[in-house]
N, C-alpha and C. Protein backbone atom coordinates (compact mmCIF):
# COMPACT_ATOMS: atom_id res chain seq x y z
N MET A 1 -19.45 6.08 43.85
CA MET A 1 -18.97 5.18 42.81
C MET A 1 -18.50 5.98 41.60
N ALA A 2 -19.22 7.03 41.26
CA ALA A 2 -18.81 7.86 40.13
C ALA A 2 -17.48 8.55 40.44
N HIS A 3 -17.34 9.05 41.67
CA HIS A 3 -16.09 9.69 42.08
C HIS A 3 -14.94 8.68 42.03
N ASP A 4 -15.19 7.47 42.49
CA ASP A 4 -14.16 6.43 42.47
C ASP A 4 -13.72 6.13 41.04
N GLY A 5 -14.70 6.02 40.13
CA GLY A 5 -14.39 5.71 38.74
C GLY A 5 -13.59 6.79 38.06
N SER A 6 -13.85 8.05 38.42
CA SER A 6 -13.17 9.17 37.77
C SER A 6 -11.84 9.52 38.41
N ASN A 7 -11.70 9.22 39.70
CA ASN A 7 -10.55 9.73 40.43
C ASN A 7 -9.69 8.66 41.11
N GLY A 8 -10.06 7.40 40.94
CA GLY A 8 -9.24 6.34 41.52
C GLY A 8 -9.34 6.23 43.03
N THR A 9 -10.39 6.80 43.61
CA THR A 9 -10.60 6.68 45.06
C THR A 9 -11.34 5.39 45.37
N LYS A 10 -11.53 5.12 46.64
CA LYS A 10 -12.29 3.92 47.04
C LYS A 10 -13.35 4.30 48.08
N LEU A 11 -14.05 5.38 47.79
CA LEU A 11 -15.07 5.88 48.71
C LEU A 11 -16.19 4.87 48.92
N TYR A 12 -16.63 4.26 47.84
CA TYR A 12 -17.75 3.32 47.94
C TYR A 12 -17.35 2.08 48.72
N THR A 13 -16.17 1.57 48.45
CA THR A 13 -15.69 0.39 49.17
C THR A 13 -15.60 0.69 50.66
N ASP A 14 -15.03 1.85 50.98
CA ASP A 14 -14.93 2.24 52.39
C ASP A 14 -16.31 2.37 53.02
N LEU A 15 -17.27 2.92 52.27
CA LEU A 15 -18.62 3.10 52.79
C LEU A 15 -19.26 1.75 53.12
N THR A 16 -19.06 0.79 52.24
CA THR A 16 -19.63 -0.54 52.50
C THR A 16 -19.00 -1.21 53.72
N GLN A 17 -17.84 -0.74 54.10
CA GLN A 17 -17.14 -1.28 55.27
C GLN A 17 -17.34 -0.40 56.51
N GLY A 18 -18.29 0.53 56.40
CA GLY A 18 -18.65 1.35 57.55
C GLY A 18 -17.85 2.63 57.73
N LYS A 19 -17.00 2.97 56.76
CA LYS A 19 -16.24 4.21 56.87
C LYS A 19 -16.75 5.22 55.86
N ARG A 20 -17.36 6.30 56.35
CA ARG A 20 -17.89 7.36 55.49
C ARG A 20 -16.90 8.52 55.47
N HIS A 21 -16.58 8.98 54.27
CA HIS A 21 -15.63 10.09 54.13
C HIS A 21 -16.36 11.41 53.93
N ARG A 22 -15.78 12.48 54.46
CA ARG A 22 -16.26 13.83 54.20
C ARG A 22 -15.50 14.39 53.01
N CYS A 23 -16.17 15.18 52.19
CA CYS A 23 -15.51 15.79 51.03
C CYS A 23 -14.30 16.61 51.46
N ASN A 24 -14.42 17.30 52.61
CA ASN A 24 -13.35 18.20 53.02
C ASN A 24 -12.16 17.48 53.67
N GLU A 25 -12.17 16.16 53.68
CA GLU A 25 -10.96 15.44 54.06
C GLU A 25 -9.89 15.67 52.99
N CYS A 26 -10.33 15.83 51.76
CA CYS A 26 -9.40 16.01 50.64
C CYS A 26 -9.49 17.40 50.02
N HIS A 27 -10.70 17.96 49.97
CA HIS A 27 -10.93 19.25 49.33
C HIS A 27 -11.09 20.34 50.40
N SER A 28 -10.30 21.39 50.30
CA SER A 28 -10.38 22.46 51.30
C SER A 28 -11.76 23.09 51.31
N ASP A 29 -12.19 23.48 52.50
CA ASP A 29 -13.52 24.07 52.68
C ASP A 29 -13.43 25.14 53.76
N ASN A 30 -13.48 26.40 53.35
CA ASN A 30 -13.32 27.51 54.29
C ASN A 30 -14.46 27.61 55.30
N VAL A 31 -15.63 27.10 54.96
CA VAL A 31 -16.75 27.16 55.89
C VAL A 31 -16.42 26.39 57.17
N LEU A 32 -15.77 25.24 56.99
CA LEU A 32 -15.44 24.40 58.14
C LEU A 32 -13.96 24.47 58.50
N ASN A 33 -13.27 25.45 57.92
CA ASN A 33 -11.84 25.63 58.20
C ASN A 33 -11.05 24.34 57.96
N ALA A 34 -11.41 23.64 56.90
CA ALA A 34 -10.74 22.39 56.54
C ALA A 34 -9.69 22.68 55.46
N PRO A 35 -8.42 22.37 55.71
CA PRO A 35 -7.37 22.73 54.77
C PRO A 35 -7.30 21.86 53.52
N GLY A 36 -7.89 20.65 53.56
CA GLY A 36 -7.82 19.75 52.41
C GLY A 36 -6.40 19.25 52.17
N LYS A 37 -6.21 18.68 51.00
CA LYS A 37 -4.89 18.14 50.63
C LYS A 37 -4.28 18.96 49.51
N ASP A 38 -2.98 19.13 49.57
CA ASP A 38 -2.27 19.89 48.54
C ASP A 38 -2.50 19.27 47.17
N GLY A 39 -2.63 20.14 46.19
CA GLY A 39 -2.77 19.67 44.81
C GLY A 39 -4.19 19.37 44.37
N LEU A 40 -5.14 19.40 45.31
CA LEU A 40 -6.54 19.14 44.96
C LEU A 40 -7.33 20.45 45.01
N PRO A 41 -8.32 20.59 44.13
CA PRO A 41 -9.09 21.84 44.11
C PRO A 41 -9.93 22.01 45.38
N ALA A 42 -10.20 23.26 45.71
CA ALA A 42 -11.12 23.54 46.82
C ALA A 42 -12.47 22.88 46.52
N LEU A 43 -13.20 22.53 47.56
CA LEU A 43 -14.48 21.85 47.37
C LEU A 43 -15.41 22.63 46.46
N SER A 44 -15.53 23.93 46.68
CA SER A 44 -16.41 24.76 45.86
C SER A 44 -15.97 24.75 44.40
N GLN A 45 -14.67 24.83 44.18
CA GLN A 45 -14.16 24.81 42.81
C GLN A 45 -14.44 23.46 42.15
N ALA A 46 -14.21 22.39 42.88
CA ALA A 46 -14.43 21.04 42.33
C ALA A 46 -15.90 20.82 41.98
N ILE A 47 -16.78 21.18 42.88
CA ILE A 47 -18.22 20.95 42.67
C ILE A 47 -18.75 21.81 41.52
N HIS A 48 -18.48 23.12 41.57
CA HIS A 48 -19.00 24.00 40.52
C HIS A 48 -18.37 23.71 39.17
N GLY A 49 -17.07 23.46 39.15
CA GLY A 49 -16.40 23.17 37.89
C GLY A 49 -16.88 21.88 37.25
N PHE A 50 -16.99 20.83 38.04
CA PHE A 50 -17.39 19.52 37.51
C PHE A 50 -18.82 19.53 36.99
N HIS A 51 -19.72 20.22 37.71
CA HIS A 51 -21.14 20.17 37.36
C HIS A 51 -21.58 21.27 36.39
N SER A 52 -20.72 22.23 36.11
CA SER A 52 -21.15 23.37 35.29
C SER A 52 -21.65 22.95 33.91
N SER A 53 -21.06 21.93 33.33
CA SER A 53 -21.47 21.50 31.99
C SER A 53 -22.67 20.55 32.03
N ARG A 54 -23.13 20.23 33.21
CA ARG A 54 -24.21 19.25 33.36
C ARG A 54 -25.54 19.89 33.75
N MET A 55 -25.60 21.20 33.80
CA MET A 55 -26.81 21.87 34.24
C MET A 55 -27.90 21.92 33.17
N GLY A 56 -27.55 21.55 31.95
CA GLY A 56 -28.55 21.55 30.88
C GLY A 56 -29.70 20.61 31.15
N MET A 57 -29.47 19.61 31.98
CA MET A 57 -30.53 18.64 32.29
C MET A 57 -31.52 19.17 33.31
N SER A 58 -31.19 20.29 33.95
CA SER A 58 -32.06 20.83 34.98
C SER A 58 -33.22 21.59 34.36
N LYS A 59 -34.37 21.47 34.97
CA LYS A 59 -35.56 22.19 34.51
C LYS A 59 -35.81 23.44 35.37
N LEU A 60 -34.95 23.70 36.35
CA LEU A 60 -35.14 24.84 37.23
C LEU A 60 -34.65 26.13 36.58
N ALA A 61 -35.43 27.18 36.69
CA ALA A 61 -35.03 28.47 36.12
C ALA A 61 -33.78 28.99 36.83
N ASN A 62 -33.74 28.86 38.14
CA ASN A 62 -32.55 29.22 38.92
C ASN A 62 -31.76 27.95 39.16
N GLN A 63 -30.71 27.75 38.38
CA GLN A 63 -29.95 26.50 38.47
C GLN A 63 -29.26 26.32 39.81
N CYS A 64 -29.01 27.41 40.50
CA CYS A 64 -28.38 27.31 41.83
C CYS A 64 -29.23 26.45 42.77
N TYR A 65 -30.57 26.49 42.55
CA TYR A 65 -31.47 25.74 43.41
C TYR A 65 -31.32 24.23 43.28
N ASN A 66 -30.59 23.75 42.30
CA ASN A 66 -30.35 22.32 42.22
C ASN A 66 -29.58 21.82 43.44
N CYS A 67 -28.73 22.67 43.99
CA CYS A 67 -27.91 22.27 45.14
C CYS A 67 -28.11 23.16 46.35
N HIS A 68 -28.28 24.45 46.12
CA HIS A 68 -28.47 25.38 47.23
C HIS A 68 -29.97 25.48 47.47
N PRO A 69 -30.46 25.02 48.61
CA PRO A 69 -31.90 24.80 48.79
C PRO A 69 -32.65 26.10 48.69
N GLY A 70 -33.78 26.12 48.13
CA GLY A 70 -34.12 25.62 46.88
C GLY A 70 -35.47 26.17 46.53
N GLU A 71 -36.16 25.38 45.81
CA GLU A 71 -37.48 25.75 45.29
C GLU A 71 -38.48 25.99 46.42
N VAL A 72 -38.32 25.27 47.53
CA VAL A 72 -39.22 25.47 48.66
C VAL A 72 -38.67 26.55 49.59
N THR A 73 -37.38 26.46 49.91
CA THR A 73 -36.76 27.42 50.82
C THR A 73 -36.70 28.81 50.22
N LYS A 74 -36.53 28.87 48.90
CA LYS A 74 -36.42 30.15 48.19
C LYS A 74 -35.29 31.00 48.79
N CYS A 75 -34.08 30.47 48.72
CA CYS A 75 -32.92 31.17 49.28
C CYS A 75 -32.73 32.55 48.67
N ASN A 76 -33.03 32.70 47.40
CA ASN A 76 -32.81 33.97 46.70
C ASN A 76 -34.17 34.64 46.50
N ARG A 77 -34.55 35.50 47.45
CA ARG A 77 -35.91 36.03 47.46
C ARG A 77 -35.97 37.53 47.75
N GLY A 78 -34.82 38.19 47.72
CA GLY A 78 -34.80 39.61 48.04
C GLY A 78 -35.25 40.49 46.90
N VAL A 79 -35.12 41.80 47.09
CA VAL A 79 -35.59 42.76 46.11
C VAL A 79 -34.82 42.62 44.79
N MET A 80 -33.56 42.25 44.84
CA MET A 80 -32.81 42.09 43.59
C MET A 80 -33.36 40.92 42.78
N ALA A 81 -33.64 39.80 43.46
CA ALA A 81 -34.22 38.65 42.76
C ALA A 81 -35.57 39.02 42.17
N ALA A 82 -36.35 39.81 42.92
CA ALA A 82 -37.67 40.23 42.44
C ALA A 82 -37.55 41.07 41.18
N ASN A 83 -36.40 41.73 41.00
CA ASN A 83 -36.18 42.56 39.81
C ASN A 83 -35.34 41.85 38.75
N GLY A 84 -35.24 40.52 38.88
CA GLY A 84 -34.59 39.73 37.85
C GLY A 84 -33.08 39.66 37.94
N ILE A 85 -32.51 40.17 39.03
CA ILE A 85 -31.05 40.08 39.21
C ILE A 85 -30.77 38.82 40.01
N THR A 86 -30.28 37.81 39.35
CA THR A 86 -30.10 36.51 39.98
C THR A 86 -28.64 36.28 40.38
N CYS A 87 -28.41 35.15 41.03
CA CYS A 87 -27.06 34.76 41.45
C CYS A 87 -26.11 34.73 40.26
N ALA A 88 -26.62 34.31 39.10
CA ALA A 88 -25.78 34.13 37.92
C ALA A 88 -25.40 35.44 37.24
N ASP A 89 -25.93 36.57 37.73
CA ASP A 89 -25.55 37.86 37.17
C ASP A 89 -24.04 38.03 37.28
N SER A 90 -23.44 38.61 36.26
CA SER A 90 -21.98 38.71 36.20
C SER A 90 -21.39 39.55 37.34
N LYS A 91 -22.19 40.44 37.94
CA LYS A 91 -21.69 41.25 39.04
C LYS A 91 -21.96 40.60 40.39
N CYS A 92 -22.64 39.45 40.38
CA CYS A 92 -22.84 38.70 41.63
C CYS A 92 -21.93 37.48 41.58
N HIS A 93 -22.48 36.29 41.74
CA HIS A 93 -21.64 35.09 41.71
C HIS A 93 -21.24 34.72 40.29
N GLY A 94 -22.10 35.03 39.34
CA GLY A 94 -21.84 34.65 37.96
C GLY A 94 -22.22 33.20 37.71
N SER A 95 -21.88 32.72 36.53
CA SER A 95 -22.19 31.33 36.15
C SER A 95 -21.40 30.35 37.01
N MET A 96 -21.79 29.10 36.95
CA MET A 96 -21.04 28.08 37.68
C MET A 96 -19.60 28.01 37.19
N GLU A 97 -19.41 28.19 35.89
CA GLU A 97 -18.04 28.21 35.35
C GLU A 97 -17.25 29.35 35.98
N ASN A 98 -17.92 30.51 36.15
CA ASN A 98 -17.25 31.67 36.75
C ASN A 98 -16.89 31.41 38.21
N VAL A 99 -17.80 30.80 38.95
CA VAL A 99 -17.53 30.49 40.36
C VAL A 99 -16.27 29.64 40.46
N SER A 100 -16.19 28.62 39.62
CA SER A 100 -15.02 27.74 39.63
C SER A 100 -13.76 28.47 39.19
N GLN A 101 -13.85 29.22 38.10
CA GLN A 101 -12.67 29.89 37.54
C GLN A 101 -12.11 30.94 38.48
N THR A 102 -12.99 31.68 39.15
CA THR A 102 -12.49 32.72 40.05
C THR A 102 -11.74 32.12 41.24
N ILE A 103 -12.13 30.94 41.66
CA ILE A 103 -11.39 30.26 42.73
C ILE A 103 -10.02 29.83 42.20
N LEU A 104 -10.02 29.31 40.98
CA LEU A 104 -8.74 28.94 40.34
C LEU A 104 -7.83 30.15 40.22
N ASN A 105 -8.44 31.34 40.04
CA ASN A 105 -7.68 32.58 39.90
C ASN A 105 -7.28 33.21 41.23
N GLY A 106 -7.68 32.58 42.33
CA GLY A 106 -7.25 33.07 43.63
C GLY A 106 -8.34 33.50 44.60
N ARG A 107 -9.59 33.57 44.14
CA ARG A 107 -10.66 33.93 45.07
C ARG A 107 -10.82 32.83 46.11
N ARG A 108 -11.06 33.22 47.35
CA ARG A 108 -11.23 32.26 48.43
C ARG A 108 -12.73 32.01 48.64
N PRO A 109 -13.20 30.79 48.34
CA PRO A 109 -14.63 30.54 48.48
C PRO A 109 -15.11 30.77 49.90
N TRP A 110 -16.27 31.40 50.02
CA TRP A 110 -16.94 31.74 51.27
C TRP A 110 -16.28 32.90 52.00
N LEU A 111 -15.07 33.28 51.62
CA LEU A 111 -14.38 34.41 52.27
C LEU A 111 -14.36 35.64 51.37
N ASP A 112 -14.30 35.43 50.06
CA ASP A 112 -14.34 36.52 49.09
C ASP A 112 -15.63 36.36 48.29
N GLU A 113 -16.61 37.18 48.60
CA GLU A 113 -17.94 37.03 48.00
C GLU A 113 -18.33 38.31 47.25
N PRO A 114 -19.46 38.28 46.52
CA PRO A 114 -19.88 39.47 45.77
C PRO A 114 -19.97 40.70 46.65
N ASP A 115 -19.71 41.86 46.04
CA ASP A 115 -19.66 43.12 46.75
C ASP A 115 -20.77 44.04 46.23
N CYS A 116 -21.57 44.55 47.15
CA CYS A 116 -22.67 45.46 46.77
C CYS A 116 -22.16 46.62 45.92
N GLY A 117 -20.92 47.04 46.14
CA GLY A 117 -20.35 48.16 45.42
C GLY A 117 -20.19 47.92 43.93
N ALA A 118 -20.20 46.65 43.51
CA ALA A 118 -20.07 46.35 42.08
C ALA A 118 -21.20 46.97 41.28
N CYS A 119 -22.36 47.09 41.88
CA CYS A 119 -23.50 47.72 41.20
C CYS A 119 -23.85 49.09 41.80
N HIS A 120 -23.72 49.20 43.10
CA HIS A 120 -24.22 50.39 43.79
C HIS A 120 -23.16 51.46 44.05
N GLY A 121 -21.92 51.19 43.71
CA GLY A 121 -20.86 52.19 43.87
C GLY A 121 -20.12 52.07 45.19
N ALA A 122 -19.00 52.79 45.28
CA ALA A 122 -18.09 52.67 46.42
C ALA A 122 -18.74 53.02 47.75
N ASP A 123 -19.70 53.97 47.76
CA ASP A 123 -20.34 54.35 49.01
C ASP A 123 -21.14 53.20 49.62
N TYR A 124 -21.48 52.23 48.80
CA TYR A 124 -22.32 51.12 49.28
C TYR A 124 -21.58 49.78 49.20
N ALA A 125 -20.26 49.85 49.07
CA ALA A 125 -19.45 48.63 49.01
C ALA A 125 -19.32 48.02 50.41
N VAL A 126 -19.05 46.73 50.45
CA VAL A 126 -18.78 46.09 51.74
C VAL A 126 -17.47 46.64 52.28
N ASN A 127 -17.29 46.55 53.58
CA ASN A 127 -16.05 47.02 54.20
C ASN A 127 -14.89 46.16 53.74
N ILE A 128 -13.72 46.75 53.61
CA ILE A 128 -12.54 46.03 53.14
C ILE A 128 -12.25 44.85 54.07
N GLY A 129 -12.11 43.70 53.45
CA GLY A 129 -11.79 42.50 54.23
C GLY A 129 -12.96 41.88 54.96
N MET A 130 -14.18 42.38 54.70
CA MET A 130 -15.37 41.85 55.38
C MET A 130 -16.40 41.38 54.37
N LEU A 131 -17.25 40.49 54.80
CA LEU A 131 -18.41 40.09 54.00
C LEU A 131 -19.55 41.05 54.30
N TYR A 132 -20.57 41.01 53.46
CA TYR A 132 -21.74 41.87 53.64
C TYR A 132 -22.32 41.72 55.04
N ARG A 133 -22.46 40.49 55.50
CA ARG A 133 -23.12 40.27 56.79
C ARG A 133 -22.38 40.89 57.96
N SER A 134 -21.09 41.20 57.79
CA SER A 134 -20.29 41.78 58.86
C SER A 134 -20.00 43.27 58.64
N SER A 135 -20.38 43.80 57.48
CA SER A 135 -20.02 45.17 57.12
C SER A 135 -20.89 46.20 57.84
N TYR A 136 -20.31 47.40 58.03
CA TYR A 136 -20.96 48.49 58.74
C TYR A 136 -21.17 49.70 57.84
N LEU A 137 -22.11 50.53 58.23
CA LEU A 137 -22.38 51.79 57.55
C LEU A 137 -21.11 52.63 57.45
N VAL A 138 -20.86 53.18 56.26
CA VAL A 138 -19.69 54.06 56.08
C VAL A 138 -20.08 55.40 55.44
N ASN A 139 -21.31 55.52 54.95
CA ASN A 139 -21.70 56.73 54.22
C ASN A 139 -22.78 57.54 54.93
N GLY A 140 -22.85 57.40 56.25
CA GLY A 140 -23.84 58.13 57.02
C GLY A 140 -23.19 59.24 57.83
N PRO A 141 -23.90 59.78 58.82
CA PRO A 141 -23.32 60.80 59.71
C PRO A 141 -22.08 60.25 60.40
N ASP A 142 -21.12 61.13 60.66
CA ASP A 142 -19.84 60.69 61.23
C ASP A 142 -20.01 59.86 62.49
N ASP A 143 -20.96 60.26 63.34
CA ASP A 143 -21.10 59.54 64.61
C ASP A 143 -21.80 58.20 64.46
N MET A 144 -22.27 57.88 63.26
CA MET A 144 -22.94 56.60 63.04
C MET A 144 -22.10 55.63 62.21
N ASN A 145 -21.15 56.15 61.46
CA ASN A 145 -20.31 55.27 60.64
C ASN A 145 -19.56 54.28 61.51
N GLY A 146 -19.54 53.05 61.06
CA GLY A 146 -18.86 52.00 61.82
C GLY A 146 -19.67 51.47 62.98
N GLU A 147 -20.91 51.96 63.14
CA GLU A 147 -21.74 51.54 64.27
C GLU A 147 -22.91 50.65 63.85
N ILE A 148 -23.48 50.91 62.68
CA ILE A 148 -24.69 50.23 62.25
C ILE A 148 -24.34 49.23 61.14
N LYS A 149 -24.71 47.98 61.31
CA LYS A 149 -24.44 46.99 60.27
C LYS A 149 -25.37 47.20 59.07
N CYS A 150 -24.85 46.92 57.90
CA CYS A 150 -25.65 47.04 56.67
C CYS A 150 -26.93 46.21 56.77
N ILE A 151 -26.81 44.99 57.33
CA ILE A 151 -27.98 44.12 57.40
C ILE A 151 -29.06 44.68 58.31
N SER A 152 -28.71 45.61 59.20
CA SER A 152 -29.72 46.20 60.10
C SER A 152 -30.77 46.97 59.31
N CYS A 153 -30.36 47.60 58.22
CA CYS A 153 -31.29 48.42 57.44
C CYS A 153 -31.69 47.78 56.11
N HIS A 154 -30.91 46.80 55.67
CA HIS A 154 -31.19 46.18 54.36
C HIS A 154 -31.58 44.72 54.43
N ASN A 155 -31.42 44.08 55.57
CA ASN A 155 -31.71 42.67 55.81
C ASN A 155 -30.60 41.78 55.23
N SER A 156 -30.75 40.51 55.42
CA SER A 156 -29.71 39.54 55.04
C SER A 156 -29.56 39.43 53.53
N ALA A 157 -28.38 39.01 53.12
CA ALA A 157 -28.13 38.77 51.69
C ALA A 157 -29.14 37.75 51.18
N HIS A 158 -29.62 37.97 49.97
CA HIS A 158 -30.59 37.11 49.28
C HIS A 158 -32.02 37.26 49.79
N SER A 159 -32.21 38.00 50.89
CA SER A 159 -33.58 38.29 51.34
C SER A 159 -33.70 39.77 51.70
N GLU A 160 -32.92 40.58 50.95
CA GLU A 160 -32.87 42.01 51.25
C GLU A 160 -34.25 42.65 51.01
N TRP A 161 -34.55 43.64 51.83
CA TRP A 161 -35.86 44.29 51.79
C TRP A 161 -36.05 45.16 50.55
N PRO A 162 -37.28 45.20 49.99
CA PRO A 162 -38.41 44.36 50.35
C PRO A 162 -38.29 42.97 49.74
N SER A 163 -38.48 41.98 50.57
CA SER A 163 -38.37 40.59 50.14
C SER A 163 -39.67 40.12 49.49
N THR A 164 -39.55 39.11 48.65
CA THR A 164 -40.75 38.53 48.04
C THR A 164 -41.48 37.61 49.02
N LEU A 165 -40.85 37.30 50.16
CA LEU A 165 -41.47 36.45 51.18
C LEU A 165 -42.02 37.36 52.29
N PRO A 166 -43.32 37.41 52.45
CA PRO A 166 -43.90 38.34 53.43
C PRO A 166 -43.31 38.23 54.83
N LEU A 167 -42.97 37.02 55.26
CA LEU A 167 -42.44 36.85 56.60
C LEU A 167 -41.13 37.61 56.80
N ASP A 168 -40.34 37.74 55.74
CA ASP A 168 -39.09 38.51 55.83
C ASP A 168 -39.36 39.98 56.11
N ASN A 169 -40.52 40.46 55.71
CA ASN A 169 -40.82 41.89 55.76
C ASN A 169 -41.49 42.36 57.04
N VAL A 170 -41.58 41.49 58.03
CA VAL A 170 -42.31 41.83 59.26
C VAL A 170 -41.76 43.10 59.91
N ILE A 171 -40.44 43.23 60.00
CA ILE A 171 -39.85 44.39 60.68
C ILE A 171 -40.19 45.69 59.97
N PRO A 172 -39.90 45.82 58.66
CA PRO A 172 -40.25 47.11 58.03
C PRO A 172 -41.76 47.36 57.99
N VAL A 173 -42.56 46.34 57.89
CA VAL A 173 -44.01 46.54 57.91
C VAL A 173 -44.44 47.09 59.26
N GLN A 174 -43.85 46.56 60.34
CA GLN A 174 -44.19 47.07 61.68
C GLN A 174 -43.71 48.51 61.86
N LEU A 175 -42.55 48.83 61.26
CA LEU A 175 -42.00 50.17 61.43
C LEU A 175 -42.64 51.20 60.50
N TYR A 176 -42.85 50.80 59.24
CA TYR A 176 -43.31 51.74 58.22
C TYR A 176 -44.73 51.51 57.74
N GLY A 177 -45.25 50.31 58.01
CA GLY A 177 -46.56 49.98 57.47
C GLY A 177 -46.47 49.44 56.06
N ARG A 178 -45.26 49.24 55.56
CA ARG A 178 -45.05 48.69 54.22
C ARG A 178 -43.67 48.02 54.17
N PRO A 179 -43.47 47.08 53.25
CA PRO A 179 -42.14 46.47 53.11
C PRO A 179 -41.19 47.42 52.40
N ASP A 180 -40.08 47.72 53.01
CA ASP A 180 -39.09 48.63 52.45
C ASP A 180 -37.83 48.48 53.28
N PHE A 181 -36.69 48.93 52.76
CA PHE A 181 -35.51 48.94 53.62
C PHE A 181 -35.62 50.13 54.57
N ILE A 182 -34.86 50.10 55.66
CA ILE A 182 -34.95 51.15 56.67
C ILE A 182 -34.26 52.40 56.13
N ARG A 183 -35.03 53.44 55.87
CA ARG A 183 -34.51 54.62 55.20
C ARG A 183 -34.15 55.76 56.14
N LYS A 184 -34.64 55.75 57.37
CA LYS A 184 -34.34 56.86 58.27
C LYS A 184 -34.18 56.36 59.69
N CYS A 185 -33.31 57.02 60.41
CA CYS A 185 -32.96 56.61 61.77
C CYS A 185 -34.19 56.58 62.68
N SER A 186 -35.12 57.51 62.45
CA SER A 186 -36.27 57.63 63.35
C SER A 186 -37.21 56.44 63.25
N ALA A 187 -36.98 55.55 62.29
CA ALA A 187 -37.77 54.33 62.25
C ALA A 187 -37.56 53.53 63.52
N CYS A 188 -36.35 53.62 64.07
CA CYS A 188 -36.02 52.87 65.28
C CYS A 188 -35.63 53.76 66.45
N HIS A 189 -35.12 54.98 66.15
CA HIS A 189 -34.55 55.83 67.19
C HIS A 189 -35.18 57.21 67.18
N GLU A 190 -35.43 57.74 68.36
CA GLU A 190 -35.82 59.14 68.47
C GLU A 190 -34.56 59.99 68.35
N GLY A 191 -34.70 61.20 67.85
CA GLY A 191 -33.53 62.06 67.76
C GLY A 191 -33.69 63.10 66.67
N THR A 192 -32.67 63.93 66.51
CA THR A 192 -32.74 65.02 65.54
C THR A 192 -31.51 65.04 64.61
N GLY A 193 -30.83 63.90 64.48
CA GLY A 193 -29.66 63.83 63.62
C GLY A 193 -30.00 64.03 62.16
N LYS A 194 -28.96 64.10 61.32
CA LYS A 194 -29.12 64.38 59.88
C LYS A 194 -30.09 63.43 59.20
N LEU A 195 -30.01 62.16 59.54
CA LEU A 195 -30.81 61.17 58.81
C LEU A 195 -32.16 60.88 59.44
N HIS A 196 -32.47 61.47 60.60
CA HIS A 196 -33.71 61.13 61.25
C HIS A 196 -34.94 61.48 60.41
N GLY A 197 -34.87 62.54 59.67
CA GLY A 197 -36.01 62.93 58.86
C GLY A 197 -35.83 62.61 57.40
N ALA A 198 -34.70 62.02 57.04
CA ALA A 198 -34.42 61.73 55.64
C ALA A 198 -35.19 60.51 55.19
N GLY A 199 -35.18 60.27 53.91
CA GLY A 199 -35.87 59.10 53.37
C GLY A 199 -37.32 59.39 53.11
N ARG A 200 -38.06 58.30 52.89
CA ARG A 200 -39.48 58.46 52.57
C ARG A 200 -40.33 57.94 53.68
């Protein structure tokens, strides 16, 4: 009803008549490969832009948890979050206004995401044209570059090791006896390569 009042749509009327609309019928959404309609903002831009001025009513310290689940799921629980580096950090997603504005400036939501290299330098940047979850090692021994995914040694985005959730840390605890990212090849592989004895 609020959307209808602001945008001249008839979503509520259609709903009462048994027709439910998806947001991505009109707003493009790269997650579902939905092109949307010309002249309308991408779904992410519309949602973040419209709600950015309304977050003052939230009592949550991490405002992202109002929509991205959440206080129970603890989506943002990795070592960076534990050290106070949140989603809203300017080198990550930034404020809701920033999320919206960067899309308006040409960023593709869900396809162009924060880059580890923004803080950690070029040696630790995501691969060109890839997201973190798909990126591979580039700063290791020549025979290993392009073979090992970043997430294999650092874990998933937002739950990077050591995570604040003990269950996330099961692998490094089993390998090292403590929660930590995988620092040496011998944690998983026997061998005598450059990195097998490196790390702590």
